[in-house]
Each structure stands twice: as C-alpha cells, then as structure tokens.
Amino acid sequence: MSEKTYDSGLAIRHAMFGEEVTDRQIADASPFTRPIQDLVTEQCFGEVWSRPGLDRKTRSLATLCMLIGMGRSHELAIHVKGAVANGVTAQELSELMRHAAVYCGVPAAVGAAYTTDAALRELGISFGEGQA
C-alpha cells in the first residue's frame, strides 16, 4: 500500500462523506473487512477519484448512474451525500432519476428516487413543488 495514495484517498473520502463518517467506517472495520476499507481508500479514492480526467461532480454523477443500474440502494444513499458535497444539486439528481428510468428501467429509477429523496432529507435539502 502506498501511504501517499492512501492519504490522498482518505482526504477525498473526508471531503465527500465527512471525517466522522469515514473515520468511523475505518475504525469499525473488523480484521475481515479492514482490507476492503483499505482497498476503497487507496484504490477507489486514492487512485481513481484523484485522477485529473474528470472533476468530482462528474465522477459523482457517473457513480450514481452505475449504482442505480446495479440496484445498490445502500451505496446509492452514501454516494448521494457525497455527490451533494461535490456540487450536485437536488434538481440535477431529479433529472438523473428520469434519465435512469429510460436507460436502467423504471423499477431501478423508482427505487433510486426514494433512496435519493431520503438521503437529501437527511442532509436537510428539500425539493419543492414545480422543480421536477
């Protein structure tokens, strides 16, 4: 493991998900799950998310699309919060749900919409009438 890459990944995780959440995920990892946390920090965030080819907002939107398509609600809720930290708006998330309905199927988009709405509410972000 490269300490520099790990530290870079940790900084990105802190920026997207908050220090408390990230540090708790790492601290709560068991000996069995700790290697996965290290892989996520170093490879996913330290190697991929730190690359210059796409900004974090674009990476967040791409990640959300993939999670919706795979039906990964738990990870979607986490990444919605990270996407908001990366500048994605509630309006953009709403449009993403419509886009996903066409490309991933209505059931995937409906589940994603409910997960996204709950995550936005946890962040205190409301989506008003007439914004759809």
N, C-alpha and C. Protein backbone atom coordinates (compact mmCIF):
# COMPACT_ATOMS: atom_id res chain seq x y z
N MET A 1 0.84 -1.17 0.00
CA MET A 1 0.00 0.00 0.00
C MET A 1 0.89 1.24 0.00
N SER A 2 0.57 2.19 -0.87
CA SER A 2 1.28 3.45 -0.93
C SER A 2 0.67 4.42 0.08
N GLU A 3 1.48 4.90 0.99
CA GLU A 3 0.97 5.82 2.02
C GLU A 3 0.44 7.11 1.38
N LYS A 4 1.14 7.59 0.34
CA LYS A 4 0.72 8.82 -0.33
C LYS A 4 -0.65 8.63 -1.00
N THR A 5 -0.83 7.52 -1.69
CA THR A 5 -2.09 7.24 -2.36
C THR A 5 -3.21 7.05 -1.34
N TYR A 6 -2.91 6.34 -0.26
CA TYR A 6 -3.90 6.12 0.81
C TYR A 6 -4.31 7.47 1.41
N ASP A 7 -3.34 8.32 1.71
CA ASP A 7 -3.65 9.63 2.31
C ASP A 7 -4.48 10.49 1.36
N SER A 8 -4.17 10.42 0.06
CA SER A 8 -4.95 11.15 -0.93
C SER A 8 -6.39 10.65 -0.96
N GLY A 9 -6.55 9.33 -0.94
CA GLY A 9 -7.89 8.74 -0.92
C GLY A 9 -8.65 9.09 0.34
N LEU A 10 -7.96 9.09 1.46
CA LEU A 10 -8.60 9.43 2.73
C LEU A 10 -9.08 10.88 2.71
N ALA A 11 -8.28 11.77 2.15
CA ALA A 11 -8.67 13.18 2.06
C ALA A 11 -9.93 13.35 1.20
N ILE A 12 -10.01 12.61 0.11
CA ILE A 12 -11.19 12.68 -0.76
C ILE A 12 -12.41 12.13 -0.03
N ARG A 13 -12.26 11.00 0.65
CA ARG A 13 -13.38 10.43 1.42
C ARG A 13 -13.85 11.41 2.49
N HIS A 14 -12.90 12.05 3.17
CA HIS A 14 -13.26 13.05 4.19
C HIS A 14 -14.06 14.19 3.56
N ALA A 15 -13.61 14.67 2.41
CA ALA A 15 -14.28 15.79 1.74
C ALA A 15 -15.69 15.42 1.28
N MET A 16 -15.85 14.19 0.82
CA MET A 16 -17.15 13.77 0.28
C MET A 16 -18.14 13.32 1.35
N PHE A 17 -17.66 12.57 2.31
CA PHE A 17 -18.57 11.92 3.26
C PHE A 17 -18.43 12.42 4.69
N GLY A 18 -17.44 13.27 4.92
CA GLY A 18 -17.19 13.80 6.25
C GLY A 18 -16.19 12.95 7.02
N GLU A 19 -15.41 13.62 7.85
CA GLU A 19 -14.39 12.91 8.63
C GLU A 19 -15.00 11.90 9.58
N GLU A 20 -16.08 12.31 10.26
CA GLU A 20 -16.69 11.43 11.27
C GLU A 20 -17.17 10.12 10.64
N VAL A 21 -17.90 10.22 9.54
CA VAL A 21 -18.43 9.02 8.88
C VAL A 21 -17.30 8.14 8.36
N THR A 22 -16.36 8.74 7.66
CA THR A 22 -15.25 7.98 7.08
C THR A 22 -14.41 7.32 8.15
N ASP A 23 -14.03 8.09 9.15
CA ASP A 23 -13.17 7.54 10.21
C ASP A 23 -13.88 6.44 10.99
N ARG A 24 -15.21 6.60 11.16
CA ARG A 24 -15.97 5.55 11.85
C ARG A 24 -16.01 4.27 11.02
N GLN A 25 -16.20 4.40 9.70
CA GLN A 25 -16.21 3.22 8.83
C GLN A 25 -14.89 2.47 8.93
N ILE A 26 -13.80 3.20 8.94
CA ILE A 26 -12.47 2.57 9.02
C ILE A 26 -12.25 1.98 10.40
N ALA A 27 -12.58 2.73 11.44
CA ALA A 27 -12.36 2.25 12.82
C ALA A 27 -13.23 1.03 13.14
N ASP A 28 -14.44 0.99 12.59
CA ASP A 28 -15.36 -0.11 12.88
C ASP A 28 -15.08 -1.36 12.04
N ALA A 29 -14.17 -1.26 11.11
CA ALA A 29 -13.87 -2.42 10.26
C ALA A 29 -13.25 -3.53 11.11
N SER A 30 -13.70 -4.74 10.83
CA SER A 30 -13.15 -5.91 11.52
C SER A 30 -11.87 -6.34 10.81
N PRO A 31 -11.12 -7.25 11.38
CA PRO A 31 -9.95 -7.76 10.67
C PRO A 31 -10.33 -8.33 9.29
N PHE A 32 -11.57 -8.83 9.17
CA PHE A 32 -12.03 -9.38 7.89
C PHE A 32 -12.33 -8.27 6.88
N THR A 33 -12.97 -7.17 7.34
CA THR A 33 -13.39 -6.11 6.41
C THR A 33 -12.38 -4.98 6.26
N ARG A 34 -11.38 -4.92 7.11
CA ARG A 34 -10.38 -3.84 7.01
C ARG A 34 -9.67 -3.81 5.66
N PRO A 35 -9.29 -4.96 5.09
CA PRO A 35 -8.65 -4.90 3.77
C PRO A 35 -9.55 -4.26 2.70
N ILE A 36 -10.86 -4.45 2.82
CA ILE A 36 -11.78 -3.81 1.86
C ILE A 36 -11.80 -2.30 2.07
N GLN A 37 -11.82 -1.86 3.33
CA GLN A 37 -11.76 -0.42 3.61
C GLN A 37 -10.47 0.18 3.05
N ASP A 38 -9.37 -0.52 3.22
CA ASP A 38 -8.09 -0.04 2.69
C ASP A 38 -8.12 0.02 1.17
N LEU A 39 -8.72 -0.98 0.53
CA LEU A 39 -8.84 -1.01 -0.93
C LEU A 39 -9.68 0.17 -1.41
N VAL A 40 -10.80 0.40 -0.75
CA VAL A 40 -11.67 1.52 -1.11
C VAL A 40 -10.91 2.84 -0.98
N THR A 41 -10.21 3.02 0.12
CA THR A 41 -9.49 4.27 0.36
C THR A 41 -8.37 4.46 -0.64
N GLU A 42 -7.54 3.44 -0.81
CA GLU A 42 -6.37 3.59 -1.68
C GLU A 42 -6.71 3.51 -3.16
N GLN A 43 -7.38 2.45 -3.57
CA GLN A 43 -7.61 2.23 -5.00
C GLN A 43 -8.76 3.07 -5.55
N CYS A 44 -9.90 2.98 -4.90
CA CYS A 44 -11.08 3.68 -5.40
C CYS A 44 -10.89 5.20 -5.34
N PHE A 45 -10.58 5.70 -4.14
CA PHE A 45 -10.48 7.15 -3.99
C PHE A 45 -9.07 7.68 -4.24
N GLY A 46 -8.04 6.99 -3.78
CA GLY A 46 -6.67 7.46 -3.96
C GLY A 46 -6.17 7.36 -5.39
N GLU A 47 -6.57 6.30 -6.09
CA GLU A 47 -6.12 6.10 -7.47
C GLU A 47 -7.10 6.66 -8.50
N VAL A 48 -8.39 6.33 -8.37
CA VAL A 48 -9.35 6.67 -9.41
C VAL A 48 -9.96 8.07 -9.21
N TRP A 49 -10.52 8.33 -8.03
CA TRP A 49 -11.17 9.62 -7.81
C TRP A 49 -10.19 10.78 -7.85
N SER A 50 -8.92 10.55 -7.64
CA SER A 50 -7.93 11.64 -7.64
C SER A 50 -7.39 11.96 -9.03
N ARG A 51 -7.78 11.18 -10.03
CA ARG A 51 -7.27 11.42 -11.38
C ARG A 51 -7.80 12.75 -11.93
N PRO A 52 -7.03 13.38 -12.83
CA PRO A 52 -7.43 14.69 -13.34
C PRO A 52 -8.45 14.67 -14.48
N GLY A 53 -8.76 13.53 -15.07
CA GLY A 53 -9.59 13.49 -16.27
C GLY A 53 -11.03 13.90 -16.10
N LEU A 54 -11.59 13.72 -14.92
CA LEU A 54 -12.97 14.12 -14.62
C LEU A 54 -12.99 14.84 -13.28
N ASP A 55 -13.83 15.87 -13.18
CA ASP A 55 -13.95 16.52 -11.88
C ASP A 55 -14.81 15.66 -10.96
N ARG A 56 -14.83 15.98 -9.69
CA ARG A 56 -15.55 15.15 -8.71
C ARG A 56 -17.06 15.15 -8.94
N LYS A 57 -17.60 16.26 -9.38
CA LYS A 57 -19.04 16.30 -9.65
C LYS A 57 -19.39 15.31 -10.75
N THR A 58 -18.62 15.31 -11.82
CA THR A 58 -18.87 14.39 -12.93
C THR A 58 -18.69 12.95 -12.48
N ARG A 59 -17.65 12.69 -11.69
CA ARG A 59 -17.43 11.33 -11.17
C ARG A 59 -18.61 10.90 -10.29
N SER A 60 -19.12 11.84 -9.49
CA SER A 60 -20.27 11.51 -8.65
C SER A 60 -21.48 11.13 -9.50
N LEU A 61 -21.78 11.91 -10.53
CA LEU A 61 -22.91 11.60 -11.39
C LEU A 61 -22.73 10.25 -12.07
N ALA A 62 -21.53 9.97 -12.55
CA ALA A 62 -21.27 8.67 -13.18
C ALA A 62 -21.44 7.54 -12.18
N THR A 63 -20.94 7.73 -10.97
CA THR A 63 -21.06 6.70 -9.93
C THR A 63 -22.52 6.45 -9.59
N LEU A 64 -23.29 7.52 -9.45
CA LEU A 64 -24.71 7.36 -9.14
C LEU A 64 -25.42 6.57 -10.24
N CYS A 65 -25.11 6.88 -11.50
CA CYS A 65 -25.72 6.13 -12.61
C CYS A 65 -25.43 4.64 -12.50
N MET A 66 -24.19 4.30 -12.22
CA MET A 66 -23.82 2.89 -12.11
C MET A 66 -24.51 2.22 -10.93
N LEU A 67 -24.58 2.90 -9.81
CA LEU A 67 -25.23 2.32 -8.63
C LEU A 67 -26.72 2.13 -8.86
N ILE A 68 -27.35 3.08 -9.55
CA ILE A 68 -28.77 2.94 -9.88
C ILE A 68 -28.96 1.72 -10.78
N GLY A 69 -28.14 1.61 -11.81
CA GLY A 69 -28.24 0.49 -12.74
C GLY A 69 -28.04 -0.86 -12.08
N MET A 70 -27.19 -0.90 -11.05
CA MET A 70 -26.93 -2.16 -10.35
C MET A 70 -27.91 -2.39 -9.20
N GLY A 71 -28.76 -1.40 -8.90
CA GLY A 71 -29.72 -1.55 -7.82
C GLY A 71 -29.08 -1.57 -6.44
N ARG A 72 -28.02 -0.82 -6.24
CA ARG A 72 -27.29 -0.79 -4.98
C ARG A 72 -27.75 0.38 -4.12
N SER A 73 -28.91 0.23 -3.48
CA SER A 73 -29.53 1.32 -2.71
C SER A 73 -28.67 1.81 -1.55
N HIS A 74 -28.04 0.90 -0.83
CA HIS A 74 -27.23 1.31 0.32
C HIS A 74 -26.09 2.22 -0.12
N GLU A 75 -25.35 1.79 -1.14
CA GLU A 75 -24.24 2.60 -1.64
C GLU A 75 -24.74 3.88 -2.29
N LEU A 76 -25.92 3.80 -2.95
CA LEU A 76 -26.50 4.98 -3.58
C LEU A 76 -26.75 6.07 -2.54
N ALA A 77 -27.33 5.71 -1.41
CA ALA A 77 -27.61 6.70 -0.37
C ALA A 77 -26.33 7.38 0.10
N ILE A 78 -25.29 6.60 0.26
CA ILE A 78 -23.99 7.16 0.69
C ILE A 78 -23.45 8.11 -0.38
N HIS A 79 -23.51 7.68 -1.64
CA HIS A 79 -22.94 8.48 -2.72
C HIS A 79 -23.80 9.69 -3.09
N VAL A 80 -25.10 9.67 -2.79
CA VAL A 80 -25.91 10.87 -2.99
C VAL A 80 -25.35 11.98 -2.09
N LYS A 81 -25.05 11.63 -0.86
CA LYS A 81 -24.49 12.62 0.07
C LYS A 81 -23.12 13.12 -0.41
N GLY A 82 -22.31 12.20 -0.92
CA GLY A 82 -21.03 12.60 -1.48
C GLY A 82 -21.20 13.48 -2.71
N ALA A 83 -22.20 13.17 -3.53
CA ALA A 83 -22.46 13.97 -4.73
C ALA A 83 -22.85 15.39 -4.37
N VAL A 84 -23.68 15.53 -3.34
CA VAL A 84 -24.07 16.87 -2.89
C VAL A 84 -22.82 17.63 -2.42
N ALA A 85 -21.95 16.96 -1.69
CA ALA A 85 -20.69 17.59 -1.26
C ALA A 85 -19.83 17.98 -2.46
N ASN A 86 -19.99 17.27 -3.57
CA ASN A 86 -19.23 17.56 -4.79
C ASN A 86 -19.94 18.54 -5.72
N GLY A 87 -21.06 19.12 -5.25
CA GLY A 87 -21.72 20.17 -6.02
C GLY A 87 -22.93 19.76 -6.83
N VAL A 88 -23.37 18.51 -6.74
CA VAL A 88 -24.56 18.07 -7.46
C VAL A 88 -25.79 18.61 -6.73
N THR A 89 -26.72 19.18 -7.48
CA THR A 89 -27.92 19.78 -6.88
C THR A 89 -29.08 18.78 -6.85
N ALA A 90 -30.09 19.12 -6.05
CA ALA A 90 -31.30 18.30 -5.99
C ALA A 90 -31.96 18.24 -7.37
N GLN A 91 -31.96 19.35 -8.09
CA GLN A 91 -32.54 19.39 -9.44
C GLN A 91 -31.79 18.42 -10.36
N GLU A 92 -30.48 18.42 -10.29
CA GLU A 92 -29.69 17.50 -11.12
C GLU A 92 -29.97 16.05 -10.74
N LEU A 93 -30.13 15.79 -9.46
CA LEU A 93 -30.45 14.43 -9.02
C LEU A 93 -31.82 14.00 -9.53
N SER A 94 -32.78 14.92 -9.55
CA SER A 94 -34.10 14.62 -10.08
C SER A 94 -34.01 14.26 -11.57
N GLU A 95 -33.25 15.04 -12.31
CA GLU A 95 -33.07 14.75 -13.74
C GLU A 95 -32.38 13.40 -13.95
N LEU A 96 -31.44 13.10 -13.07
CA LEU A 96 -30.73 11.82 -13.16
C LEU A 96 -31.70 10.66 -12.98
N MET A 97 -32.69 10.81 -12.10
CA MET A 97 -33.68 9.74 -11.89
C MET A 97 -34.49 9.51 -13.16
N ARG A 98 -34.88 10.59 -13.83
CA ARG A 98 -35.62 10.46 -15.09
C ARG A 98 -34.75 9.78 -16.15
N HIS A 99 -33.51 10.19 -16.22
CA HIS A 99 -32.58 9.62 -17.19
C HIS A 99 -32.40 8.12 -16.91
N ALA A 100 -32.27 7.78 -15.64
CA ALA A 100 -32.10 6.38 -15.25
C ALA A 100 -33.34 5.56 -15.59
N ALA A 101 -34.52 6.17 -15.49
CA ALA A 101 -35.75 5.44 -15.81
C ALA A 101 -35.72 4.95 -17.26
N VAL A 102 -35.19 5.75 -18.15
CA VAL A 102 -35.12 5.38 -19.56
C VAL A 102 -34.03 4.34 -19.81
N TYR A 103 -32.87 4.52 -19.21
CA TYR A 103 -31.72 3.67 -19.52
C TYR A 103 -31.56 2.46 -18.60
N CYS A 104 -32.06 2.55 -17.37
CA CYS A 104 -31.91 1.43 -16.42
C CYS A 104 -33.24 0.73 -16.14
N GLY A 105 -34.34 1.35 -16.51
CA GLY A 105 -35.65 0.78 -16.25
C GLY A 105 -36.34 1.51 -15.12
N VAL A 106 -37.65 1.56 -15.22
CA VAL A 106 -38.45 2.28 -14.23
C VAL A 106 -38.27 1.71 -12.82
N PRO A 107 -38.29 0.39 -12.61
CA PRO A 107 -38.11 -0.10 -11.24
C PRO A 107 -36.81 0.37 -10.59
N ALA A 108 -35.73 0.37 -11.34
CA ALA A 108 -34.44 0.83 -10.79
C ALA A 108 -34.52 2.31 -10.44
N ALA A 109 -35.13 3.10 -11.32
CA ALA A 109 -35.22 4.54 -11.08
C ALA A 109 -36.15 4.88 -9.92
N VAL A 110 -37.25 4.14 -9.79
CA VAL A 110 -38.17 4.40 -8.68
C VAL A 110 -37.49 4.13 -7.35
N GLY A 111 -36.82 3.00 -7.24
CA GLY A 111 -36.09 2.69 -6.02
C GLY A 111 -35.02 3.73 -5.74
N ALA A 112 -34.32 4.15 -6.78
CA ALA A 112 -33.27 5.15 -6.63
C ALA A 112 -33.85 6.50 -6.21
N ALA A 113 -35.01 6.85 -6.74
CA ALA A 113 -35.64 8.12 -6.39
C ALA A 113 -36.00 8.16 -4.90
N TYR A 114 -36.56 7.08 -4.39
CA TYR A 114 -36.90 7.04 -2.96
C TYR A 114 -35.64 7.08 -2.09
N THR A 115 -34.61 6.36 -2.49
CA THR A 115 -33.35 6.38 -1.74
C THR A 115 -32.73 7.77 -1.76
N THR A 116 -32.73 8.41 -2.93
CA THR A 116 -32.16 9.75 -3.08
C THR A 116 -32.95 10.77 -2.27
N ASP A 117 -34.27 10.69 -2.32
CA ASP A 117 -35.11 11.61 -1.54
C ASP A 117 -34.81 11.49 -0.05
N ALA A 118 -34.69 10.27 0.44
CA ALA A 118 -34.39 10.07 1.87
C ALA A 118 -33.02 10.64 2.22
N ALA A 119 -32.02 10.44 1.35
CA ALA A 119 -30.68 10.96 1.61
C ALA A 119 -30.68 12.49 1.61
N LEU A 120 -31.41 13.10 0.67
CA LEU A 120 -31.50 14.56 0.64
C LEU A 120 -32.17 15.09 1.90
N ARG A 121 -33.21 14.42 2.36
CA ARG A 121 -33.90 14.85 3.59
C ARG A 121 -32.96 14.76 4.79
N GLU A 122 -32.13 13.72 4.84
CA GLU A 122 -31.15 13.60 5.93
C GLU A 122 -30.18 14.77 5.92
N LEU A 123 -29.89 15.29 4.72
CA LEU A 123 -28.99 16.44 4.60
C LEU A 123 -29.72 17.77 4.80
N GLY A 124 -31.06 17.71 4.97
CA GLY A 124 -31.84 18.92 5.15
C GLY A 124 -32.10 19.66 3.85
N ILE A 125 -32.03 18.97 2.73
CA ILE A 125 -32.26 19.58 1.42
C ILE A 125 -33.66 19.22 0.96
N SER A 126 -34.48 20.24 0.72
CA SER A 126 -35.84 19.98 0.27
C SER A 126 -35.93 20.18 -1.23
N PHE A 127 -36.84 19.45 -1.82
CA PHE A 127 -37.10 19.56 -3.25
C PHE A 127 -38.53 20.00 -3.38
N GLY A 128 -38.74 21.26 -3.76
CA GLY A 128 -40.07 21.85 -3.74
C GLY A 128 -40.93 21.52 -4.93
N GLU A 129 -42.20 21.91 -4.82
CA GLU A 129 -43.16 21.75 -5.91
C GLU A 129 -42.68 22.53 -7.12
N GLY A 130 -42.94 21.99 -8.29
CA GLY A 130 -42.60 22.68 -9.52
C GLY A 130 -41.15 22.57 -9.94
N GLN A 131 -40.36 21.82 -9.20
CA GLN A 131 -38.95 21.68 -9.57
C GLN A 131 -38.71 20.48 -10.46
N ALA A 132 -39.66 19.59 -10.59
CA ALA A 132 -39.46 18.35 -11.34
C ALA A 132 -39.36 18.58 -12.81
